[in-house]
C-alpha cells in the first residue's frame, strides 16, 4: 500500500487530460478560421462549383467531430481504469 504514489499518479493523469482537451479546442478554432477563408475563396468561383465543394467540406467536418468524440471516450475510459 503506497497512498502517496497512487495519488500523485492520478493527479498527473488529470493534468494530461486537461492538456488534451485544450489542444482539441485549439483545433476547433483553427478549423472555423479555415472554413471562413475557404468559403470566401470559393465564392469567387462558379455557383455550382462552390456548392459541390461545400458538400465535401461538410463531410470532412463530420469526420473531425467523430474523431473528437472517440478521443473523449478514450480519455474517460483511461480515467475510470486508474485507481483513485
Protein backbone atom coordinates (compact mmCIF):
# COMPACT_ATOMS: atom_id res chain seq x y z
CA UNK A 1 0.00 0.00 0.00
CA UNK A 2 1.52 3.27 -1.12
CA UNK A 3 -1.15 6.01 -0.93
CA UNK A 4 1.16 8.95 -1.85
CA UNK A 5 2.29 7.20 -5.03
CA UNK A 6 -1.23 6.45 -6.29
CA UNK A 7 -2.48 9.98 -5.51
CA UNK A 8 0.39 11.59 -7.43
CA UNK A 9 -0.21 9.38 -10.49
CA UNK A 10 -3.93 10.20 -10.59
CA UNK A 11 -3.25 13.96 -10.40
CA UNK A 12 -0.74 13.74 -13.27
CA UNK A 13 -3.28 11.89 -15.44
CA UNK A 14 -5.81 14.69 -14.83
CA UNK A 15 -3.25 17.26 -15.97
CA UNK A 16 -2.67 15.31 -19.18
CA UNK A 17 -6.39 15.16 -19.86
CA UNK A 18 -6.75 18.94 -19.45
CA UNK A 19 -3.89 19.49 -21.90
CA UNK A 20 -5.51 17.20 -24.48
CA UNK A 21 -8.85 18.98 -24.15
CA UNK A 22 -7.11 22.32 -24.62
CA UNK A 23 -5.49 21.05 -27.83
CA UNK A 24 -8.89 19.94 -29.13
CA UNK A 25 -10.32 23.42 -28.50
CA UNK A 26 -7.42 24.97 -30.43
CA UNK A 27 -8.06 22.61 -33.35
CA UNK A 28 -11.72 23.62 -33.43
CA UNK A 29 -10.83 27.32 -33.51
CA UNK A 30 -8.37 26.76 -36.37
CA UNK A 31 -10.98 24.79 -38.30
CA UNK A 32 -13.52 27.62 -38.03
CA UNK A 33 -10.97 30.15 -39.30
CA UNK A 34 -10.06 27.87 -42.22
CA UNK A 35 -13.72 27.36 -43.11
CA UNK A 36 -14.32 31.10 -43.21
CA UNK A 37 -11.35 31.69 -45.54
CA UNK A 38 -12.32 28.70 -47.66
CA UNK A 39 -15.86 29.96 -48.18
CA UNK A 40 -14.61 33.44 -49.13
CA UNK A 41 -12.30 31.93 -51.75
CA UNK A 42 -14.96 29.64 -53.17
CA UNK A 43 -17.49 32.45 -53.58
CA UNK A 44 -15.37 33.83 -56.42
CA UNK A 45 -15.93 30.66 -58.43
CA UNK A 46 -18.98 29.46 -60.26
CA UNK A 47 -22.03 28.77 -58.08
CA UNK A 48 -22.28 25.06 -58.97
CA UNK A 49 -18.59 24.54 -58.22
CA UNK A 50 -18.95 26.34 -54.91
CA UNK A 51 -21.92 24.17 -53.88
CA UNK A 52 -20.05 20.98 -54.76
CA UNK A 53 -17.11 21.87 -52.54
CA UNK A 54 -19.33 22.88 -49.65
CA UNK A 55 -20.70 19.34 -49.61
CA UNK A 56 -17.21 17.83 -49.37
CA UNK A 57 -16.28 20.22 -46.60
CA UNK A 58 -19.36 19.26 -44.60
CA UNK A 59 -18.37 15.58 -44.74
CA UNK A 60 -14.89 16.49 -43.55
CA UNK A 61 -16.34 18.37 -40.59
CA UNK A 62 -18.41 15.35 -39.57
CA UNK A 63 -15.30 13.17 -39.61
CA UNK A 64 -13.47 15.53 -37.29
CA UNK A 65 -16.40 15.64 -34.88
CA UNK A 66 -16.47 11.84 -34.77
CA UNK A 67 -12.75 11.74 -34.04
CA UNK A 68 -13.14 14.19 -31.17
CA UNK A 69 -15.97 12.13 -29.67
CA UNK A 70 -13.82 9.00 -29.85
CA UNK A 71 -10.91 10.79 -28.17
CA UNK A 72 -13.13 12.00 -25.34
CA UNK A 73 -14.50 8.48 -24.80
CA UNK A 74 -10.97 7.10 -24.63
CA UNK A 75 -9.99 9.72 -22.06
CA UNK A 76 -12.96 8.81 -19.87
CA UNK A 77 -12.07 5.11 -20.07
CA UNK A 78 -8.49 5.87 -19.03
CA UNK A 79 -9.69 7.83 -16.02
CA UNK A 80 -12.02 5.04 -14.91
CA UNK A 81 -9.26 2.43 -15.18
CA UNK A 82 -6.83 4.37 -12.98
CA UNK A 83 -7.26 3.87 -9.21
CA UNK A 84 -8.12 7.00 -7.23
